[in-house]
PDB file of N, CA and C in Angstrom:
ATOM      1  N   MET A   1     -60.572 118.627  18.722  1.00  0.00           N
ATOM      2  CA  MET A   1     -61.286 119.285  19.794  1.00  0.00           C
ATOM      3  C   MET A   1     -61.705 118.223  20.820  1.00  0.00           C
ATOM      4  N   ASP A   2     -61.282 118.414  22.052  1.00  0.00           N
ATOM      5  CA  ASP A   2     -61.609 117.460  23.113  1.00  0.00           C
ATOM      6  C   ASP A   2     -62.844 117.950  23.869  1.00  0.00           C
ATOM      7  N   PHE A   3     -63.973 117.286  23.625  1.00  0.00           N
ATOM      8  CA  PHE A   3     -65.233 117.707  24.233  1.00  0.00           C
ATOM      9  C   PHE A   3     -65.214 117.600  25.753  1.00  0.00           C
ATOM     10  N   TYR A   4     -64.472 116.649  26.285  1.00  0.00           N
ATOM     11  CA  TYR A   4     -64.397 116.507  27.734  1.00  0.00           C
ATOM     12  C   TYR A   4     -63.669 117.697  28.355  1.00  0.00           C
ATOM     13  N   LYS A   5     -62.627 118.165  27.698  1.00  0.00           N
ATOM     14  CA  LYS A   5     -61.897 119.345  28.194  1.00  0.00           C
ATOM     15  C   LYS A   5     -62.739 120.597  28.055  1.00  0.00           C
ATOM     16  N   ILE A   6     -63.479 120.691  26.956  1.00  0.00           N
ATOM     17  CA  ILE A   6     -64.335 121.860  26.745  1.00  0.00           C
ATOM     18  C   ILE A   6     -65.350 121.990  27.872  1.00  0.00           C
ATOM     19  N   LEU A   7     -65.935 120.859  28.268  1.00  0.00           N
ATOM     20  CA  LEU A   7     -66.923 120.873  29.353  1.00  0.00           C
ATOM     21  C   LEU A   7     -66.274 120.759  30.737  1.00  0.00           C
ATOM     22  N   ASP A   8     -64.963 120.573  30.754  1.00  0.00           N
ATOM     23  CA  ASP A   8     -64.196 120.468  32.004  1.00  0.00           C
ATOM     24  C   ASP A   8     -64.739 119.338  32.894  1.00  0.00           C
ATOM     25  N   ILE A   9     -64.858 118.164  32.286  1.00  0.00           N
ATOM     26  CA  ILE A   9     -65.371 116.983  32.987  1.00  0.00           C
ATOM     27  C   ILE A   9     -64.461 115.791  32.709  1.00  0.00           C
ATOM     28  N   PRO A  10     -64.442 114.810  33.602  1.00  0.00           N
ATOM     29  CA  PRO A  10     -63.668 113.595  33.319  1.00  0.00           C
ATOM     30  C   PRO A  10     -64.372 112.719  32.286  1.00  0.00           C
ATOM     31  N   VAL A  11     -63.612 111.830  31.690  1.00  0.00           N
ATOM     32  CA  VAL A  11     -64.121 110.956  30.630  1.00  0.00           C
ATOM     33  C   VAL A  11     -65.256 110.057  31.112  1.00  0.00           C
ATOM     34  N   ASN A  12     -65.221 109.647  32.350  1.00  0.00           N
ATOM     35  CA  ASN A  12     -66.234 108.722  32.863  1.00  0.00           C
ATOM     36  C   ASN A  12     -67.427 109.438  33.501  1.00  0.00           C
ATOM     37  N   SER A  13     -67.674 110.679  33.121  1.00  0.00           N
ATOM     38  CA  SER A  13     -68.787 111.456  33.683  1.00  0.00           C
ATOM     39  C   SER A  13     -70.134 110.862  33.297  1.00  0.00           C
ATOM     40  N   SER A  14     -71.076 110.986  34.218  1.00  0.00           N
ATOM     41  CA  SER A  14     -72.437 110.511  33.961  1.00  0.00           C
ATOM     42  C   SER A  14     -73.195 111.542  33.129  1.00  0.00           C
ATOM     43  N   ALA A  15     -74.360 111.155  32.634  1.00  0.00           N
ATOM     44  CA  ALA A  15     -75.193 112.059  31.839  1.00  0.00           C
ATOM     45  C   ALA A  15     -75.588 113.291  32.645  1.00  0.00           C
ATOM     46  N   SER A  16     -75.883 113.098  33.924  1.00  0.00           N
ATOM     47  CA  SER A  16     -76.257 114.247  34.754  1.00  0.00           C
ATOM     48  C   SER A  16     -75.062 115.174  34.999  1.00  0.00           C
ATOM     49  N   ASP A  17     -73.851 114.615  35.115  1.00  0.00           N
ATOM     50  CA  ASP A  17     -72.647 115.447  35.269  1.00  0.00           C
ATOM     51  C   ASP A  17     -72.405 116.283  34.012  1.00  0.00           C
ATOM     52  N   ILE A  18     -72.627 115.672  32.863  1.00  0.00           N
ATOM     53  CA  ILE A  18     -72.442 116.372  31.591  1.00  0.00           C
ATOM     54  C   ILE A  18     -73.433 117.531  31.483  1.00  0.00           C
ATOM     55  N   LYS A  19     -74.677 117.245  31.832  1.00  0.00           N
ATOM     56  CA  LYS A  19     -75.729 118.268  31.755  1.00  0.00           C
ATOM     57  C   LYS A  19     -75.436 119.425  32.708  1.00  0.00           C
ATOM     58  N   LEU A  20     -75.026 119.102  33.908  1.00  0.00           N
ATOM     59  CA  LEU A  20     -74.718 120.128  34.910  1.00  0.00           C
ATOM     60  C   LEU A  20     -73.551 121.000  34.459  1.00  0.00           C
ATOM     61  N   ALA A  21     -72.498 120.375  33.960  1.00  0.00           N
ATOM     62  CA  ALA A  21     -71.329 121.121  33.495  1.00  0.00           C
ATOM     63  C   ALA A  21     -71.699 122.024  32.321  1.00  0.00           C
ATOM     64  N   TYR A  22     -72.489 121.496  31.398  1.00  0.00           N
ATOM     65  CA  TYR A  22     -72.904 122.290  30.241  1.00  0.00           C
ATOM     66  C   TYR A  22     -73.716 123.503  30.675  1.00  0.00           C
ATOM     67  N   ARG A  23     -74.696 123.296  31.526  1.00  0.00           N
ATOM     68  CA  ARG A  23     -75.544 124.418  31.964  1.00  0.00           C
ATOM     69  C   ARG A  23     -74.740 125.503  32.661  1.00  0.00           C
ATOM     70  N   LYS A  24     -73.810 125.084  33.488  1.00  0.00           N
ATOM     71  CA  LYS A  24     -72.970 126.038  34.221  1.00  0.00           C
ATOM     72  C   LYS A  24     -72.122 126.870  33.255  1.00  0.00           C
ATOM     73  N   LEU A  25     -71.461 126.191  32.320  1.00  0.00           N
ATOM     74  CA  LEU A  25     -70.580 126.886  31.381  1.00  0.00           C
ATOM     75  C   LEU A  25     -71.360 127.659  30.317  1.00  0.00           C
ATOM     76  N   ALA A  26     -72.513 127.126  29.893  1.00  0.00           N
ATOM     77  CA  ALA A  26     -73.333 127.825  28.905  1.00  0.00           C
ATOM     78  C   ALA A  26     -73.859 129.138  29.474  1.00  0.00           C
ATOM     79  N   LEU A  27     -74.231 129.141  30.730  1.00  0.00           N
ATOM     80  CA  LEU A  27     -74.692 130.363  31.386  1.00  0.00           C
ATOM     81  C   LEU A  27     -73.563 131.391  31.461  1.00  0.00           C
ATOM     82  N   LYS A  28     -72.386 130.915  31.761  1.00  0.00           N
ATOM     83  CA  LYS A  28     -71.212 131.804  31.881  1.00  0.00           C
ATOM     84  C   LYS A  28     -70.819 132.404  30.529  1.00  0.00           C
ATOM     85  N   HIS A  29     -70.874 131.617  29.454  1.00  0.00           N
ATOM     86  CA  HIS A  29     -70.375 132.053  28.144  1.00  0.00           C
ATOM     87  C   HIS A  29     -71.464 132.424  27.143  1.00  0.00           C
ATOM     88  N   HIS A  30     -72.704 132.508  27.577  1.00  0.00           N
ATOM     89  CA  HIS A  30     -73.795 132.816  26.657  1.00  0.00           C
ATOM     90  C   HIS A  30     -73.537 134.151  25.962  1.00  0.00           C
ATOM     91  N   PRO A  31     -73.719 134.208  24.637  1.00  0.00           N
ATOM     92  CA  PRO A  31     -73.412 135.432  23.886  1.00  0.00           C
ATOM     93  C   PRO A  31     -74.264 136.643  24.268  1.00  0.00           C
ATOM     94  N   ASP A  32     -75.430 136.437  24.872  1.00  0.00           N
ATOM     95  CA  ASP A  32     -76.270 137.556  25.282  1.00  0.00           C
ATOM     96  C   ASP A  32     -75.760 138.232  26.550  1.00  0.00           C
ATOM     97  N   LYS A  33     -74.850 137.580  27.256  1.00  0.00           N
ATOM     98  CA  LYS A  33     -74.277 138.175  28.463  1.00  0.00           C
ATOM     99  C   LYS A  33     -73.160 139.130  28.066  1.00  0.00           C
ATOM    100  N   LYS A  34     -72.917 140.102  28.911  1.00  0.00           N
ATOM    101  CA  LYS A  34     -71.886 141.100  28.641  1.00  0.00           C
ATOM    102  C   LYS A  34     -70.505 140.451  28.492  1.00  0.00           C
ATOM    103  N   SER A  35     -70.219 139.485  29.338  1.00  0.00           N
ATOM    104  CA  SER A  35     -68.915 138.807  29.285  1.00  0.00           C
ATOM    105  C   SER A  35     -68.971 137.515  28.484  1.00  0.00           C
ATOM    106  N   GLY A  36     -70.015 137.347  27.673  1.00  0.00           N
ATOM    107  CA  GLY A  36     -70.206 136.116  26.915  1.00  0.00           C
ATOM    108  C   GLY A  36     -69.204 135.959  25.780  1.00  0.00           C
ATOM    109  N   ASN A  37     -69.062 134.719  25.348  1.00  0.00           N
ATOM    110  CA  ASN A  37     -68.131 134.390  24.277  1.00  0.00           C
ATOM    111  C   ASN A  37     -68.864 133.463  23.317  1.00  0.00           C
ATOM    112  N   GLU A  38     -69.213 133.992  22.140  1.00  0.00           N
ATOM    113  CA  GLU A  38     -70.030 133.229  21.195  1.00  0.00           C
ATOM    114  C   GLU A  38     -69.318 131.974  20.695  1.00  0.00           C
ATOM    115  N   GLU A  39     -68.026 132.072  20.403  1.00  0.00           N
ATOM    116  CA  GLU A  39     -67.280 130.918  19.912  1.00  0.00           C
ATOM    117  C   GLU A  39     -67.214 129.816  20.978  1.00  0.00           C
ATOM    118  N   LYS A  40     -66.944 130.197  22.215  1.00  0.00           N
ATOM    119  CA  LYS A  40     -66.885 129.223  23.314  1.00  0.00           C
ATOM    120  C   LYS A  40     -68.263 128.591  23.518  1.00  0.00           C
ATOM    121  N   PHE A  41     -69.315 129.392  23.397  1.00  0.00           N
ATOM    122  CA  PHE A  41     -70.678 128.879  23.560  1.00  0.00           C
ATOM    123  C   PHE A  41     -71.003 127.836  22.483  1.00  0.00           C
ATOM    124  N   LYS A  42     -70.565 128.084  21.238  1.00  0.00           N
ATOM    125  CA  LYS A  42     -70.786 127.128  20.159  1.00  0.00           C
ATOM    126  C   LYS A  42     -70.041 125.817  20.439  1.00  0.00           C
ATOM    127  N   GLN A  43     -68.818 125.923  20.940  1.00  0.00           N
ATOM    128  CA  GLN A  43     -68.049 124.721  21.289  1.00  0.00           C
ATOM    129  C   GLN A  43     -68.736 123.943  22.402  1.00  0.00           C
ATOM    130  N   LEU A  44     -69.224 124.652  23.406  1.00  0.00           N
ATOM    131  CA  LEU A  44     -69.927 124.002  24.511  1.00  0.00           C
ATOM    132  C   LEU A  44     -71.176 123.273  24.016  1.00  0.00           C
ATOM    133  N   SER A  45     -71.924 123.926  23.129  1.00  0.00           N
ATOM    134  CA  SER A  45     -73.148 123.324  22.599  1.00  0.00           C
ATOM    135  C   SER A  45     -72.844 122.070  21.786  1.00  0.00           C
ATOM    136  N   LEU A  46     -71.798 122.124  20.963  1.00  0.00           N
ATOM    137  CA  LEU A  46     -71.408 120.963  20.176  1.00  0.00           C
ATOM    138  C   LEU A  46     -70.958 119.819  21.084  1.00  0.00           C
ATOM    139  N   ALA A  47     -70.166 120.152  22.085  1.00  0.00           N
ATOM    140  CA  ALA A  47     -69.694 119.131  23.028  1.00  0.00           C
ATOM    141  C   ALA A  47     -70.873 118.501  23.767  1.00  0.00           C
ATOM    142  N   TYR A  48     -71.786 119.324  24.244  1.00  0.00           N
ATOM    143  CA  TYR A  48     -72.942 118.800  24.974  1.00  0.00           C
ATOM    144  C   TYR A  48     -73.828 117.945  24.082  1.00  0.00           C
ATOM    145  N   ASN A  49     -74.114 118.416  22.865  1.00  0.00           N
ATOM    146  CA  ASN A  49     -74.965 117.647  21.945  1.00  0.00           C
ATOM    147  C   ASN A  49     -74.360 116.294  21.623  1.00  0.00           C
ATOM    148  N   THR A  50     -73.057 116.221  21.557  1.00  0.00           N
ATOM    149  CA  THR A  50     -72.391 114.955  21.255  1.00  0.00           C
ATOM    150  C   THR A  50     -72.354 114.042  22.473  1.00  0.00           C
ATOM    151  N   LEU A  51     -71.920 114.563  23.619  1.00  0.00           N
ATOM    152  CA  LEU A  51     -71.734 113.721  24.801  1.00  0.00           C
ATOM    153  C   LEU A  51     -73.029 113.367  25.516  1.00  0.00           C
ATOM    154  N   SER A  52     -74.090 114.141  25.306  1.00  0.00           N
ATOM    155  CA  SER A  52     -75.355 113.834  25.980  1.00  0.00           C
ATOM    156  C   SER A  52     -76.145 112.746  25.259  1.00  0.00           C
ATOM    157  N   ASP A  53     -75.817 112.468  24.011  1.00  0.00           N
ATOM    158  CA  ASP A  53     -76.464 111.400  23.249  1.00  0.00           C
ATOM    159  C   ASP A  53     -75.560 110.168  23.332  1.00  0.00           C
ATOM    160  N   SER A  54     -76.070 109.083  23.898  1.00  0.00           N
ATOM    161  CA  SER A  54     -75.219 107.910  24.158  1.00  0.00           C
ATOM    162  C   SER A  54     -74.595 107.327  22.889  1.00  0.00           C
ATOM    163  N   ALA A  55     -75.325 107.304  21.780  1.00  0.00           N
ATOM    164  CA  ALA A  55     -74.777 106.760  20.526  1.00  0.00           C
ATOM    165  C   ALA A  55     -73.675 107.667  19.982  1.00  0.00           C
ATOM    166  N   LYS A  56     -73.927 108.979  20.000  1.00  0.00           N
ATOM    167  CA  LYS A  56     -72.911 109.926  19.527  1.00  0.00           C
ATOM    168  C   LYS A  56     -71.681 109.902  20.425  1.00  0.00           C
ATOM    169  N   ARG A  57     -71.909 109.766  21.724  1.00  0.00           N
ATOM    170  CA  ARG A  57     -70.789 109.739  22.668  1.00  0.00           C
ATOM    171  C   ARG A  57     -69.920 108.503  22.432  1.00  0.00           C
ATOM    172  N   LYS A  58     -70.555 107.372  22.220  1.00  0.00           N
ATOM    173  CA  LYS A  58     -69.801 106.144  21.970  1.00  0.00           C
ATOM    174  C   LYS A  58     -68.962 106.278  20.703  1.00  0.00           C
ATOM    175  N   GLU A  59     -69.561 106.827  19.653  1.00  0.00           N
ATOM    176  CA  GLU A  59     -68.823 107.034  18.399  1.00  0.00           C
ATOM    177  C   GLU A  59     -67.673 108.024  18.608  1.00  0.00           C
ATOM    178  N   TYR A  60     -67.948 109.113  19.329  1.00  0.00           N
ATOM    179  CA  TYR A  60     -66.904 110.104  19.603  1.00  0.00           C
ATOM    180  C   TYR A  60     -65.750 109.469  20.377  1.00  0.00           C
ATOM    181  N   ASP A  61     -66.076 108.701  21.395  1.00  0.00           N
ATOM    182  CA  ASP A  61     -65.037 108.056  22.195  1.00  0.00           C
ATOM    183  C   ASP A  61     -64.199 107.097  21.357  1.00  0.00           C
ATOM    184  N   ASN A  62     -64.834 106.373  20.451  1.00  0.00           N
ATOM    185  CA  ASN A  62     -64.099 105.431  19.606  1.00  0.00           C
ATOM    186  C   ASN A  62     -63.223 106.124  18.578  1.00  0.00           C
ATOM    187  N   VAL A  63     -63.692 107.245  18.055  1.00  0.00           N
ATOM    188  CA  VAL A  63     -62.967 107.914  16.979  1.00  0.00           C
ATOM    189  C   VAL A  63     -62.024 109.003  17.485  1.00  0.00           C
ATOM    190  N   HIS A  64     -62.479 109.835  18.389  1.00  0.00           N
ATOM    191  CA  HIS A  64     -61.725 111.021  18.781  1.00  0.00           C
ATOM    192  C   HIS A  64     -60.916 110.877  20.056  1.00  0.00           C
ATOM    193  N   SER A  65     -61.210 109.919  20.869  1.00  0.00           N
ATOM    194  CA  SER A  65     -60.500 109.771  22.130  1.00  0.00           C
ATOM    195  C   SER A  65     -59.939 108.362  22.245  1.00  0.00           C
ATOM    196  N   PRO A  66     -58.872 108.064  21.517  1.00  0.00           N
ATOM    197  CA  PRO A  66     -58.379 106.685  21.490  1.00  0.00           C
ATOM    198  C   PRO A  66     -57.740 106.199  22.782  1.00  0.00           C
ATOM    199  N   PHE A  67     -57.431 107.071  23.713  1.00  0.00           N
ATOM    200  CA  PHE A  67     -56.733 106.634  24.913  1.00  0.00           C
ATOM    201  C   PHE A  67     -57.611 106.638  26.155  1.00  0.00           C
ATOM    202  N   ILE A  68     -58.897 106.454  25.968  1.00  0.00           N
ATOM    203  CA  ILE A  68     -59.803 106.369  27.107  1.00  0.00           C
ATOM    204  C   ILE A  68     -59.643 104.989  27.732  1.00  0.00           C
ATOM    205  N   PRO A  69     -59.242 104.925  29.003  1.00  0.00           N
ATOM    206  CA  PRO A  69     -59.053 103.605  29.609  1.00  0.00           C
ATOM    207  C   PRO A  69     -60.376 102.928  29.928  1.00  0.00           C
ATOM    208  N   LEU A  70     -60.373 101.620  29.828  1.00  0.00           N
ATOM    209  CA  LEU A  70     -61.522 100.835  30.247  1.00  0.00           C
ATOM    210  C   LEU A  70     -61.385 100.541  31.733  1.00  0.00           C
ATOM    211  N   LYS A  71     -62.287  99.753  32.294  1.00  0.00           N
ATOM    212  CA  LYS A  71     -62.260  99.462  33.724  1.00  0.00           C
ATOM    213  C   LYS A  71     -60.933  98.870  34.176  1.00  0.00           C
ATOM    214  N   ASN A  72     -60.330  98.045  33.328  1.00  0.00           N
ATOM    215  CA  ASN A  72     -59.078  97.403  33.712  1.00  0.00           C
ATOM    216  C   ASN A  72     -57.861  98.262  33.377  1.00  0.00           C
ATOM    217  N   GLY A  73     -58.088  99.494  32.885  1.00  0.00           N
ATOM    218  CA  GLY A  73     -56.993 100.408  32.605  1.00  0.00           C
ATOM    219  C   GLY A  73     -56.397 100.270  31.221  1.00  0.00           C
ATOM    220  N   ILE A  74     -56.968  99.405  30.377  1.00  0.00           N
ATOM    221  CA  ILE A  74     -56.431  99.189  29.040  1.00  0.00           C
ATOM    222  C   ILE A  74     -57.502  99.547  28.027  1.00  0.00           C
ATOM    223  N   ASN A  75     -57.128 100.308  27.018  1.00  0.00           N
ATOM    224  CA  ASN A  75     -58.053 100.624  25.945  1.00  0.00           C
ATOM    225  C   ASN A  75     -58.068  99.455  24.975  1.00  0.00           C
ATOM    226  N   GLU A  76     -59.202  98.806  24.843  1.00  0.00           N
ATOM    227  CA  GLU A  76     -59.313  97.583  24.042  1.00  0.00           C
ATOM    228  C   GLU A  76     -58.997  97.836  22.572  1.00  0.00           C
ATOM    229  N   ARG A  77     -59.445  98.975  22.029  1.00  0.00           N
ATOM    230  CA  ARG A  77     -59.218  99.264  20.620  1.00  0.00           C
ATOM    231  C   ARG A  77     -57.734  99.451  20.319  1.00  0.00           C
ATOM    232  N   ILE A  78     -57.048 100.232  21.123  1.00  0.00           N
ATOM    233  CA  ILE A  78     -55.616 100.460  20.921  1.00  0.00           C
ATOM    234  C   ILE A  78     -54.850  99.169  21.154  1.00  0.00           C
ATOM    235  N   PHE A  79     -55.213  98.438  22.207  1.00  0.00           N
ATOM    236  CA  PHE A  79     -54.530  97.184  22.532  1.00  0.00           C
ATOM    237  C   PHE A  79     -54.642  96.186  21.385  1.00  0.00           C
ATOM    238  N   SER A  80     -55.832  96.090  20.796  1.00  0.00           N
ATOM    239  CA  SER A  80     -56.030  95.116  19.724  1.00  0.00           C
ATOM    240  C   SER A  80     -55.248  95.484  18.469  1.00  0.00           C
ATOM    241  N   GLN A  81     -54.958  96.771  18.277  1.00  0.00           N
ATOM    242  CA  GLN A  81     -54.162  97.172  17.127  1.00  0.00           C
ATOM    243  C   GLN A  81     -52.726  96.666  17.254  1.00  0.00           C
ATOM    244  N   PHE A  82     -52.219  96.603  18.462  1.00  0.00           N
ATOM    245  CA  PHE A  82     -50.860  96.126  18.679  1.00  0.00           C
ATOM    246  C   PHE A  82     -50.778  94.606  18.741  1.00  0.00           C
ATOM    247  N   PHE A  83     -51.799  93.974  19.286  1.00  0.00           N
ATOM    248  CA  PHE A  83     -51.780  92.531  19.497  1.00  0.00           C
ATOM    249  C   PHE A  83     -52.946  91.857  18.781  1.00  0.00           C
ATOM    250  N   GLN A  84     -52.984  91.987  17.471  1.00  0.00           N
ATOM    251  CA  GLN A  84     -54.054  91.360  16.704  1.00  0.00           C
ATOM    252  C   GLN A  84     -53.925  89.845  16.791  1.00  0.00           C
ATOM    253  N   HIS A  85     -55.049  89.185  16.797  1.00  0.00           N
ATOM    254  CA  HIS A  85     -55.121  87.726  16.826  1.00  0.00           C
ATOM    255  C   HIS A  85     -54.469  87.156  18.079  1.00  0.00           C
ATOM    256  N   SER A  86     -54.657  87.809  19.219  1.00  0.00           N
ATOM    257  CA  SER A  86     -54.022  87.292  20.430  1.00  0.00           C
ATOM    258  C   SER A  86     -55.051  86.772  21.413  1.00  0.00           C
ATOM    259  N   ASN A  87     -54.607  85.874  22.258  1.00  0.00           N
ATOM    260  CA  ASN A  87     -55.421  85.351  23.336  1.00  0.00           C
ATOM    261  C   ASN A  87     -54.556  85.446  24.586  1.00  0.00           C
ATOM    262  N   LEU A  88     -54.773  86.516  25.368  1.00  0.00           N
ATOM    263  CA  LEU A  88     -53.892  86.770  26.506  1.00  0.00           C
ATOM    264  C   LEU A  88     -54.103  85.804  27.655  1.00  0.00           C
ATOM    265  N   ALA A  89     -55.259  85.158  27.688  1.00  0.00           N
ATOM    266  CA  ALA A  89     -55.500  84.221  28.786  1.00  0.00           C
ATOM    267  C   ALA A  89     -54.510  83.060  28.731  1.00  0.00           C
ATOM    268  N   THR A  90     -54.186  82.606  27.540  1.00  0.00           N
ATOM    269  CA  THR A  90     -53.242  81.503  27.404  1.00  0.00           C
ATOM    270  C   THR A  90     -51.874  81.983  26.917  1.00  0.00           C
ATOM    271  N   LYS A  91     -51.742  83.287  26.735  1.00  0.00           N
ATOM    272  CA  LYS A  91     -50.512  83.883  26.215  1.00  0.00           C
ATOM    273  C   LYS A  91     -50.132  83.270  24.876  1.00  0.00           C
ATOM    274  N   SER A  92     -51.147  83.059  24.057  1.00  0.00           N
ATOM    275  CA  SER A  92     -50.929  82.526  22.720  1.00  0.00           C
ATOM    276  C   SER A  92     -51.197  83.634  21.713  1.00  0.00           C
ATOM    277  N   PHE A  93     -50.393  83.673  20.685  1.00  0.00           N
ATOM    278  CA  PHE A  93     -50.561  84.676  19.649  1.00  0.00           C
ATOM    279  C   PHE A  93     -50.694  83.976  18.311  1.00  0.00           C
ATOM    280  N   TYR A  94     -51.594  84.475  17.500  1.00  0.00           N
ATOM    281  CA  TYR A  94     -51.872  83.859  16.215  1.00  0.00           C
ATOM    282  C   TYR A  94     -51.341  84.749  15.099  1.00  0.00           C
ATOM    283  N   SER A  95     -50.807  84.139  14.094  1.00  0.00           N
ATOM    284  CA  SER A  95     -50.449  84.871  12.887  1.00  0.00           C
ATOM    285  C   SER A  95     -51.203  84.241  11.730  1.00  0.00           C
ATOM    286  N   VAL A  96     -51.640  85.082  10.809  1.00  0.00           N
ATOM    287  CA  VAL A  96     -52.400  84.609   9.658  1.00  0.00           C
ATOM    288  C   VAL A  96     -51.585  84.916   8.405  1.00  0.00           C
ATOM    289  N   GLU A  97     -51.374  83.899   7.590  1.00  0.00           N
ATOM    290  CA  GLU A  97     -50.644  84.060   6.341  1.00  0.00           C
ATOM    291  C   GLU A  97     -51.561  83.697   5.187  1.00  0.00           C
ATOM    292  N   THR A  98     -51.491  84.477   4.128  1.00  0.00           N
ATOM    293  CA  THR A  98     -52.296  84.220   2.945  1.00  0.00           C
ATOM    294  C   THR A  98     -51.381  83.776   1.813  1.00  0.00           C
ATOM    295  N   THR A  99     -51.707  82.653   1.209  1.00  0.00           N
ATOM    296  CA  THR A  99     -50.965  82.134   0.066  1.00  0.00           C
ATOM    297  C   THR A  99     -51.870  82.217  -1.152  1.00  0.00           C
ATOM    298  N   THR A 100     -51.364  82.811  -2.227  1.00  0.00           N
ATOM    299  CA  THR A 100     -52.142  82.933  -3.457  1.00  0.00           C
ATOM    300  C   THR A 100     -51.487  82.067  -4.527  1.00  0.00           C
ATOM    301  N   ILE A 101     -52.282  81.228  -5.161  1.00  0.00           N
ATOM    302  CA  ILE A 101     -51.796  80.346  -6.224  1.00  0.00           C
ATOM    303  C   ILE A 101     -52.352  80.851  -7.548  1.00  0.00           C
ATOM    304  N   HIS A 102     -51.463  81.067  -8.512  1.00  0.00           N
ATOM    305  CA  HIS A 102     -51.854  81.505  -9.849  1.00  0.00           C
ATOM    306  C   HIS A 102     -51.856  80.275 -10.769  1.00  0.00           C
ATOM    307  N   TYR A 103     -53.012  79.927 -11.300  1.00  0.00           N
ATOM    308  CA  TYR A 103     -53.126  78.787 -12.201  1.00  0.00           C
ATOM    309  C   TYR A 103     -52.857  79.229 -13.635  1.00  0.00           C
ATOM    310  N   SER A 104     -52.478  78.271 -14.490  1.00  0.00           N
ATOM    311  CA  SER A 104     -52.137  78.582 -15.880  1.00  0.00           C
ATOM    312  C   SER A 104     -53.319  79.118 -16.671  1.00  0.00           C
ATOM    313  N   ASP A 105     -54.544  78.799 -16.264  1.00  0.00           N
ATOM    314  CA  ASP A 105     -55.715  79.315 -16.969  1.00  0.00           C
ATOM    315  C   ASP A 105     -56.061  80.749 -16.551  1.00  0.00           C
ATOM    316  N   GLY A 106     -55.245  81.343 -15.673  1.00  0.00           N
ATOM    317  CA  GLY A 106     -55.456  82.729 -15.246  1.00  0.00           C
ATOM    318  C   GLY A 106     -56.262  82.871 -13.972  1.00  0.00           C
ATOM    319  N   SER A 107     -56.767  81.774 -13.435  1.00  0.00           N
ATOM    320  CA  SER A 107     -57.556  81.867 -12.211  1.00  0.00           C
ATOM    321  C   SER A 107     -56.636  81.923 -10.987  1.00  0.00           C
ATOM    322  N   LEU A 108     -57.179  82.432  -9.916  1.00  0.00           N
ATOM    323  CA  LEU A 108     -56.439  82.574  -8.661  1.00  0.00           C
ATOM    324  C   LEU A 108     -57.114  81.764  -7.567  1.00  0.00           C
ATOM    325  N   HIS A 109     -56.313  81.311  -6.648  1.00  0.00           N
ATOM    326  CA  HIS A 109     -56.842  80.628  -5.474  1.00  0.00           C
ATOM    327  C   HIS A 109     -56.066  81.132  -4.268  1.00  0.00           C
ATOM    328  N   SER A 110     -56.770  81.616  -3.271  1.00  0.00           N
ATOM    329  CA  SER A 110     -56.121  82.095  -2.048  1.00  0.00           C
ATOM    330  C   SER A 110     -56.412  81.132  -0.914  1.00  0.00           C
ATOM    331  N   HIS A 111     -55.426  80.948  -0.084  1.00  0.00           N
ATOM    332  CA  HIS A 111     -55.566  80.056   1.063  1.00  0.00           C
ATOM    333  C   HIS A 111     -54.946  80.737   2.280  1.00  0.00           C
ATOM    334  N   LYS A 112     -55.707  80.802   3.355  1.00  0.00           N
ATOM    335  CA  LYS A 112     -55.200  81.406   4.590  1.00  0.00           C
ATOM    336  C   LYS A 112     -54.842  80.318   5.580  1.00  0.00           C
ATOM    337  N   THR A 113     -53.700  80.485   6.221  1.00  0.00           N
ATOM    338  CA  THR A 113     -53.298  79.549   7.274  1.00  0.00           C
ATOM    339  C   THR A 113     -53.098  80.338   8.559  1.00  0.00           C
ATOM    340  N   LYS A 114     -53.484  79.738   9.632  1.00  0.00           N
ATOM    341  CA  LYS A 114     -53.394  80.378  10.939  1.00  0.00           C
ATOM    342  C   LYS A 114     -52.454  79.538  11.792  1.00  0.00           C
ATOM    343  N   SER A 115     -51.422  80.174  12.329  1.00  0.00           N
ATOM    344  CA  SER A 115     -50.499  79.430  13.184  1.00  0.00           C
ATOM    345  C   SER A 115     -50.473  80.077  14.567  1.00  0.00           C
ATOM    346  N   MET A 116     -50.287  79.262  15.569  1.00  0.00           N
ATOM    347  CA  MET A 116     -50.292  79.733  16.943  1.00  0.00           C
ATOM    348  C   MET A 116     -48.903  79.614  17.540  1.00  0.00           C
ATOM    349  N   LYS A 117     -48.501  80.662  18.250  1.00  0.00           N
ATOM    350  CA  LYS A 117     -47.227  80.646  18.957  1.00  0.00           C
ATOM    351  C   LYS A 117     -47.544  80.883  20.425  1.00  0.00           C
ATOM    352  N   THR A 118     -47.062  80.036  21.256  1.00  0.00           N
ATOM    353  CA  THR A 118     -47.321  80.153  22.693  1.00  0.00           C
ATOM    354  C   THR A 118     -46.041  80.604  23.393  1.00  0.00           C
ATOM    355  N   PHE A 119     -46.211  81.607  24.258  1.00  0.00           N
ATOM    356  CA  PHE A 119     -45.083  82.147  25.005  1.00  0.00           C
ATOM    357  C   PHE A 119     -45.261  81.831  26.491  1.00  0.00           C
ATOM    358  N   ILE A 120     -44.174  81.601  27.151  1.00  0.00           N
ATOM    359  CA  ILE A 120     -44.223  81.288  28.589  1.00  0.00           C
ATOM    360  C   ILE A 120     -43.978  82.559  29.372  1.00  0.00           C
TER     361      ILE A 120
END
């Protein structure tokens, strides 16, 4: 369920825009009205309760809306999933390898190595 579509607002809407959109649509779909729609009203209320609370909105955006662009047009969470351990400023990419050593006494030792590859 896309709360932004339910409220018919863009992703970067302000708190006052969210409130205004909710009030307008809640009045239109209120179940006490002759043309009201109880299911739509419940969706509107859930969307408003989530998006009007900054902590809930941030969590919703991180979990439910993975393609929300940031100011530079790139979603940091999605980008980092594709380019883990990268430093785009220097165009260097890091890979991490884990080596596990099994000793004869049954103990284990793990060692991580980090290598950098630079691209032109």
